[in-house]
């Protein structure tokens, strides 16, 4: 595959999830939404930033599917969508399993070297 081909392909959903979670503001929003749905003003209250900047964080979270919003009258309420978090959790579990296996193999190799030296 050429670099041009890879640049034009759509990244997997996991990329957007990790990109969204890479920002501390967005992680705090996700943590807050773990408790209950909240309006934009409730979510923005603890942050010292302009509302348009904060709304951009919400758009990123919604764009990757981590949150869903619903507008009732003039109030937009956000709620957590746990499915993408499960996708990230599964990916991390696979990586952990892979590295645990590699470390076990390395440990076994080191033990064989020690036995040869003894």
N, C-alpha and C. Protein backbone atom coordinates (compact mmCIF):
# COMPACT_ATOMS: atom_id res chain seq x y z
N UNK A 1 0.85 -1.17 0.00
CA UNK A 1 0.00 0.00 0.00
C UNK A 1 0.89 1.24 0.00
N UNK A 2 0.59 2.21 -0.84
CA UNK A 2 1.38 3.43 -0.89
C UNK A 2 0.92 4.39 0.19
N UNK A 3 1.76 5.40 0.46
CA UNK A 3 1.39 6.38 1.48
C UNK A 3 0.16 7.17 1.06
N UNK A 4 -0.02 7.36 -0.25
CA UNK A 4 -1.21 8.05 -0.73
C UNK A 4 -2.46 7.24 -0.46
N UNK A 5 -2.38 5.92 -0.66
CA UNK A 5 -3.53 5.07 -0.39
C UNK A 5 -3.87 5.09 1.09
N UNK A 6 -2.87 4.99 1.95
CA UNK A 6 -3.14 4.96 3.38
C UNK A 6 -3.69 6.29 3.87
N UNK A 7 -3.31 7.39 3.22
CA UNK A 7 -3.80 8.71 3.63
C UNK A 7 -5.26 8.91 3.24
N UNK A 8 -5.72 8.20 2.23
CA UNK A 8 -7.10 8.40 1.77
C UNK A 8 -8.08 7.42 2.39
N UNK A 9 -7.59 6.40 3.08
CA UNK A 9 -8.48 5.44 3.70
C UNK A 9 -9.03 5.99 5.01
N UNK A 10 -10.24 5.59 5.34
CA UNK A 10 -10.87 6.01 6.58
C UNK A 10 -10.21 5.28 7.75
N UNK A 11 -9.79 6.04 8.78
CA UNK A 11 -9.18 5.37 9.93
C UNK A 11 -10.21 4.53 10.68
N UNK A 12 -9.77 3.47 11.34
CA UNK A 12 -10.72 2.65 12.10
C UNK A 12 -11.33 3.46 13.25
N UNK A 13 -12.53 3.08 13.70
CA UNK A 13 -13.21 3.82 14.77
C UNK A 13 -12.37 3.95 16.04
N UNK A 14 -11.54 2.96 16.31
CA UNK A 14 -10.72 2.99 17.53
C UNK A 14 -9.79 4.20 17.54
N UNK A 15 -9.33 4.63 16.35
CA UNK A 15 -8.45 5.80 16.28
C UNK A 15 -9.16 7.05 16.82
N UNK A 16 -10.40 7.26 16.40
CA UNK A 16 -11.16 8.42 16.87
C UNK A 16 -11.44 8.36 18.35
N UNK A 17 -11.67 7.17 18.86
CA UNK A 17 -11.94 7.01 20.29
C UNK A 17 -10.71 7.40 21.10
N UNK A 18 -9.56 6.85 20.72
CA UNK A 18 -8.34 7.19 21.46
C UNK A 18 -7.94 8.65 21.26
N UNK A 19 -8.18 9.19 20.07
CA UNK A 19 -7.89 10.61 19.84
C UNK A 19 -8.76 11.47 20.76
N UNK A 20 -10.03 11.12 20.87
CA UNK A 20 -10.93 11.88 21.74
C UNK A 20 -10.51 11.77 23.20
N UNK A 21 -10.12 10.57 23.61
CA UNK A 21 -9.75 10.36 25.01
C UNK A 21 -8.35 10.88 25.35
N UNK A 22 -7.60 11.30 24.34
CA UNK A 22 -6.25 11.80 24.60
C UNK A 22 -6.26 13.17 25.26
N UNK A 23 -7.39 13.85 25.22
CA UNK A 23 -7.50 15.19 25.79
C UNK A 23 -8.07 15.13 27.20
N UNK A 24 -7.42 15.78 28.18
CA UNK A 24 -7.90 15.71 29.57
C UNK A 24 -9.30 16.31 29.77
N UNK A 25 -9.64 17.34 29.02
CA UNK A 25 -10.98 17.93 29.14
C UNK A 25 -12.03 16.91 28.72
N UNK A 26 -11.79 16.25 27.61
CA UNK A 26 -12.77 15.27 27.13
C UNK A 26 -12.86 14.07 28.06
N UNK A 27 -11.73 13.66 28.64
CA UNK A 27 -11.78 12.55 29.61
C UNK A 27 -12.61 12.95 30.82
N UNK A 28 -12.47 14.19 31.28
CA UNK A 28 -13.27 14.64 32.42
C UNK A 28 -14.76 14.69 32.08
N UNK A 29 -15.09 15.06 30.85
CA UNK A 29 -16.49 15.07 30.42
C UNK A 29 -17.03 13.64 30.45
N UNK A 30 -16.27 12.69 29.93
CA UNK A 30 -16.69 11.29 29.95
C UNK A 30 -16.88 10.82 31.39
N UNK A 31 -15.93 11.16 32.26
CA UNK A 31 -16.07 10.78 33.68
C UNK A 31 -17.33 11.38 34.29
N UNK A 32 -17.63 12.63 33.96
CA UNK A 32 -18.84 13.27 34.49
C UNK A 32 -20.10 12.59 33.96
N UNK A 33 -20.08 12.23 32.68
CA UNK A 33 -21.27 11.59 32.10
C UNK A 33 -21.45 10.16 32.58
N UNK A 34 -20.43 9.58 33.20
CA UNK A 34 -20.58 8.26 33.81
C UNK A 34 -21.64 8.29 34.91
N UNK A 35 -21.79 9.43 35.56
CA UNK A 35 -22.76 9.55 36.66
C UNK A 35 -24.18 9.71 36.16
N UNK A 36 -24.37 10.61 35.16
CA UNK A 36 -25.71 10.86 34.64
C UNK A 36 -25.61 11.78 33.44
N UNK A 37 -26.67 11.81 32.61
CA UNK A 37 -26.69 12.77 31.50
C UNK A 37 -26.62 14.20 32.04
N UNK A 38 -26.15 15.12 31.20
CA UNK A 38 -26.02 16.52 31.64
C UNK A 38 -26.16 17.45 30.45
N UNK A 39 -26.60 18.66 30.75
CA UNK A 39 -26.73 19.68 29.72
C UNK A 39 -25.34 20.27 29.41
N UNK A 40 -25.27 20.97 28.30
CA UNK A 40 -24.01 21.61 27.91
C UNK A 40 -23.53 22.54 29.02
N UNK A 41 -24.41 23.34 29.57
CA UNK A 41 -24.00 24.29 30.61
C UNK A 41 -23.50 23.58 31.86
N UNK A 42 -24.14 22.46 32.23
CA UNK A 42 -23.66 21.68 33.38
C UNK A 42 -22.28 21.12 33.12
N UNK A 43 -22.08 20.62 31.92
CA UNK A 43 -20.79 20.03 31.58
C UNK A 43 -19.69 21.08 31.49
N UNK A 44 -20.03 22.26 30.97
CA UNK A 44 -19.03 23.31 30.76
C UNK A 44 -18.66 24.03 32.04
N UNK A 45 -19.53 24.01 33.03
CA UNK A 45 -19.36 24.81 34.26
C UNK A 45 -17.98 24.67 34.92
N UNK A 46 -17.43 23.47 35.11
CA UNK A 46 -16.15 23.38 35.81
C UNK A 46 -14.92 23.79 34.99
N UNK A 47 -15.10 24.09 33.71
CA UNK A 47 -13.96 24.38 32.85
C UNK A 47 -13.82 25.87 32.61
N UNK A 48 -12.60 26.34 32.64
CA UNK A 48 -12.31 27.75 32.42
C UNK A 48 -11.97 27.95 30.94
N UNK A 49 -13.01 27.90 30.10
CA UNK A 49 -12.81 28.12 28.67
C UNK A 49 -14.09 28.69 28.07
N UNK A 50 -13.94 29.30 26.92
CA UNK A 50 -15.09 29.87 26.23
C UNK A 50 -16.02 28.73 25.80
N UNK A 51 -17.31 29.01 25.82
CA UNK A 51 -18.31 27.99 25.47
C UNK A 51 -18.09 27.40 24.07
N UNK A 52 -17.78 28.20 23.05
CA UNK A 52 -17.54 27.60 21.74
C UNK A 52 -16.37 26.60 21.75
N UNK A 53 -15.34 26.87 22.51
CA UNK A 53 -14.22 25.93 22.62
C UNK A 53 -14.66 24.66 23.32
N UNK A 54 -15.46 24.79 24.35
CA UNK A 54 -15.95 23.61 25.06
C UNK A 54 -16.87 22.78 24.17
N UNK A 55 -17.72 23.44 23.41
CA UNK A 55 -18.63 22.73 22.52
C UNK A 55 -17.85 21.94 21.48
N UNK A 56 -16.70 22.44 21.06
CA UNK A 56 -15.87 21.69 20.11
C UNK A 56 -15.42 20.36 20.73
N UNK A 57 -15.12 20.35 22.03
CA UNK A 57 -14.79 19.10 22.71
C UNK A 57 -15.97 18.13 22.66
N UNK A 58 -17.17 18.64 22.88
CA UNK A 58 -18.36 17.79 22.82
C UNK A 58 -18.57 17.24 21.41
N UNK A 59 -18.27 18.04 20.40
CA UNK A 59 -18.41 17.57 19.01
C UNK A 59 -17.43 16.43 18.73
N UNK A 60 -16.22 16.54 19.25
CA UNK A 60 -15.25 15.47 19.05
C UNK A 60 -15.75 14.18 19.70
N UNK A 61 -16.24 14.30 20.93
CA UNK A 61 -16.76 13.12 21.64
C UNK A 61 -17.96 12.52 20.91
N UNK A 62 -18.82 13.37 20.40
CA UNK A 62 -20.00 12.87 19.68
C UNK A 62 -19.60 12.30 18.32
N UNK A 63 -18.61 12.91 17.69
CA UNK A 63 -18.17 12.46 16.38
C UNK A 63 -17.61 11.04 16.39
N UNK A 64 -16.98 10.65 17.49
CA UNK A 64 -16.44 9.28 17.56
C UNK A 64 -17.41 8.33 18.24
N UNK A 65 -18.57 8.84 18.64
CA UNK A 65 -19.61 7.98 19.19
C UNK A 65 -19.56 7.77 20.69
N UNK A 66 -18.65 8.46 21.39
CA UNK A 66 -18.56 8.28 22.84
C UNK A 66 -19.74 8.88 23.60
N UNK A 67 -20.34 9.92 23.01
CA UNK A 67 -21.53 10.53 23.63
C UNK A 67 -22.60 10.74 22.57
N UNK A 68 -23.82 10.84 23.03
CA UNK A 68 -24.97 11.18 22.17
C UNK A 68 -25.64 12.39 22.79
N UNK A 69 -26.21 13.22 21.94
CA UNK A 69 -26.92 14.38 22.46
C UNK A 69 -28.36 14.38 21.96
N UNK A 70 -29.18 15.07 22.73
CA UNK A 70 -30.58 15.24 22.38
C UNK A 70 -30.98 16.65 22.75
N UNK A 71 -31.65 17.32 21.84
CA UNK A 71 -32.08 18.68 22.10
C UNK A 71 -33.56 18.70 22.41
N UNK A 72 -33.91 19.28 23.54
CA UNK A 72 -35.28 19.46 23.94
C UNK A 72 -35.48 20.95 24.19
N UNK A 73 -36.23 21.59 23.33
CA UNK A 73 -36.37 23.04 23.43
C UNK A 73 -35.03 23.69 23.14
N UNK A 74 -34.54 24.47 24.11
CA UNK A 74 -33.26 25.15 23.94
C UNK A 74 -32.12 24.44 24.65
N UNK A 75 -32.42 23.31 25.26
CA UNK A 75 -31.41 22.60 26.07
C UNK A 75 -30.94 21.35 25.34
N UNK A 76 -29.63 21.26 25.16
CA UNK A 76 -29.02 20.05 24.57
C UNK A 76 -28.41 19.25 25.72
N UNK A 77 -28.84 18.00 25.82
CA UNK A 77 -28.38 17.10 26.88
C UNK A 77 -27.51 16.01 26.27
N UNK A 78 -26.40 15.74 26.94
CA UNK A 78 -25.47 14.70 26.50
C UNK A 78 -25.53 13.52 27.44
N UNK A 79 -25.35 12.33 26.85
CA UNK A 79 -25.28 11.10 27.64
C UNK A 79 -24.17 10.25 27.07
N UNK A 80 -23.59 9.45 27.94
CA UNK A 80 -22.49 8.57 27.56
C UNK A 80 -23.01 7.41 26.72
N UNK A 81 -22.24 7.03 25.71
CA UNK A 81 -22.53 5.84 24.90
C UNK A 81 -21.42 4.84 25.20
N UNK A 82 -21.69 3.82 25.99
CA UNK A 82 -20.63 2.94 26.47
C UNK A 82 -20.03 1.99 25.43
N UNK A 83 -20.70 1.76 24.30
CA UNK A 83 -20.21 0.79 23.32
C UNK A 83 -18.80 1.12 22.82
N UNK A 84 -18.50 2.37 22.45
CA UNK A 84 -17.14 2.67 21.99
C UNK A 84 -16.09 2.47 23.09
N UNK A 85 -16.47 2.70 24.33
CA UNK A 85 -15.53 2.45 25.43
C UNK A 85 -15.21 0.97 25.52
N UNK A 86 -16.19 0.12 25.24
CA UNK A 86 -15.98 -1.32 25.24
C UNK A 86 -15.00 -1.71 24.13
N UNK A 87 -15.12 -1.06 22.98
CA UNK A 87 -14.19 -1.30 21.87
C UNK A 87 -12.76 -0.98 22.29
N UNK A 88 -12.58 0.16 22.95
CA UNK A 88 -11.25 0.56 23.43
C UNK A 88 -10.76 -0.41 24.51
N UNK A 89 -11.64 -0.80 25.40
CA UNK A 89 -11.28 -1.75 26.46
C UNK A 89 -10.82 -3.08 25.87
N UNK A 90 -11.53 -3.57 24.87
CA UNK A 90 -11.16 -4.83 24.23
C UNK A 90 -9.80 -4.73 23.54
N UNK A 91 -9.54 -3.61 22.87
CA UNK A 91 -8.26 -3.42 22.20
C UNK A 91 -7.13 -3.41 23.23
N UNK A 92 -7.34 -2.70 24.33
CA UNK A 92 -6.32 -2.64 25.38
C UNK A 92 -6.10 -4.02 26.00
N UNK A 93 -7.15 -4.79 26.19
CA UNK A 93 -7.02 -6.14 26.75
C UNK A 93 -6.20 -7.03 25.82
N UNK A 94 -6.43 -6.90 24.51
CA UNK A 94 -5.64 -7.67 23.54
C UNK A 94 -4.16 -7.30 23.64
N UNK A 95 -3.89 -6.01 23.75
CA UNK A 95 -2.50 -5.55 23.86
C UNK A 95 -1.86 -6.06 25.16
N UNK A 96 -2.60 -6.00 26.25
CA UNK A 96 -2.09 -6.49 27.53
C UNK A 96 -1.76 -7.98 27.44
N UNK A 97 -2.64 -8.76 26.83
CA UNK A 97 -2.41 -10.20 26.68
C UNK A 97 -1.15 -10.45 25.84
N UNK A 98 -1.01 -9.72 24.75
CA UNK A 98 0.16 -9.86 23.89
C UNK A 98 1.45 -9.58 24.66
N UNK A 99 1.47 -8.48 25.41
CA UNK A 99 2.69 -8.10 26.14
C UNK A 99 2.96 -9.03 27.32
N UNK A 100 1.93 -9.51 27.96
CA UNK A 100 2.15 -10.48 29.04
C UNK A 100 2.78 -11.75 28.48
N UNK A 101 2.29 -12.18 27.32
CA UNK A 101 2.86 -13.37 26.68
C UNK A 101 4.32 -13.13 26.29
N UNK A 102 4.62 -11.97 25.73
CA UNK A 102 6.00 -11.65 25.36
C UNK A 102 6.91 -11.59 26.58
N UNK A 103 6.41 -11.00 27.65
CA UNK A 103 7.22 -10.92 28.86
C UNK A 103 7.44 -12.30 29.48
N UNK A 104 6.45 -13.15 29.41
CA UNK A 104 6.61 -14.53 29.89
C UNK A 104 7.67 -15.26 29.07
N UNK A 105 7.65 -15.06 27.75
CA UNK A 105 8.66 -15.69 26.89
C UNK A 105 10.04 -15.15 27.20
N UNK A 106 10.14 -13.86 27.43
CA UNK A 106 11.43 -13.26 27.76
C UNK A 106 11.94 -13.79 29.10
N UNK A 107 11.04 -13.89 30.07
CA UNK A 107 11.41 -14.43 31.38
C UNK A 107 11.93 -15.86 31.25
N UNK A 108 11.25 -16.67 30.44
CA UNK A 108 11.70 -18.05 30.23
C UNK A 108 13.07 -18.07 29.56
N UNK A 109 13.31 -17.18 28.62
CA UNK A 109 14.60 -17.10 27.95
C UNK A 109 15.70 -16.72 28.93
N UNK A 110 15.44 -15.74 29.78
CA UNK A 110 16.43 -15.31 30.78
C UNK A 110 16.73 -16.45 31.74
N UNK A 111 15.72 -17.19 32.12
CA UNK A 111 15.93 -18.33 33.03
C UNK A 111 16.81 -19.39 32.37
N UNK A 112 16.65 -19.64 31.07
CA UNK A 112 17.50 -20.62 30.40
C UNK A 112 18.95 -20.12 30.34
N UNK A 113 19.14 -18.81 30.18
CA UNK A 113 20.49 -18.26 30.17
C UNK A 113 21.13 -18.41 31.56
N UNK A 114 20.35 -18.17 32.60
CA UNK A 114 20.89 -18.33 33.97
C UNK A 114 21.28 -19.77 34.23
N UNK A 115 20.45 -20.70 33.75
CA UNK A 115 20.74 -22.12 33.97
C UNK A 115 22.01 -22.53 33.23
N UNK A 116 22.27 -21.96 32.06
CA UNK A 116 23.49 -22.27 31.31
C UNK A 116 24.72 -21.73 32.02
N UNK A 117 24.59 -20.57 32.66
CA UNK A 117 25.72 -19.97 33.39
C UNK A 117 26.01 -20.69 34.69
N UNK A 118 25.02 -21.37 35.24
CA UNK A 118 25.20 -22.02 36.54
C UNK A 118 25.99 -23.29 36.47
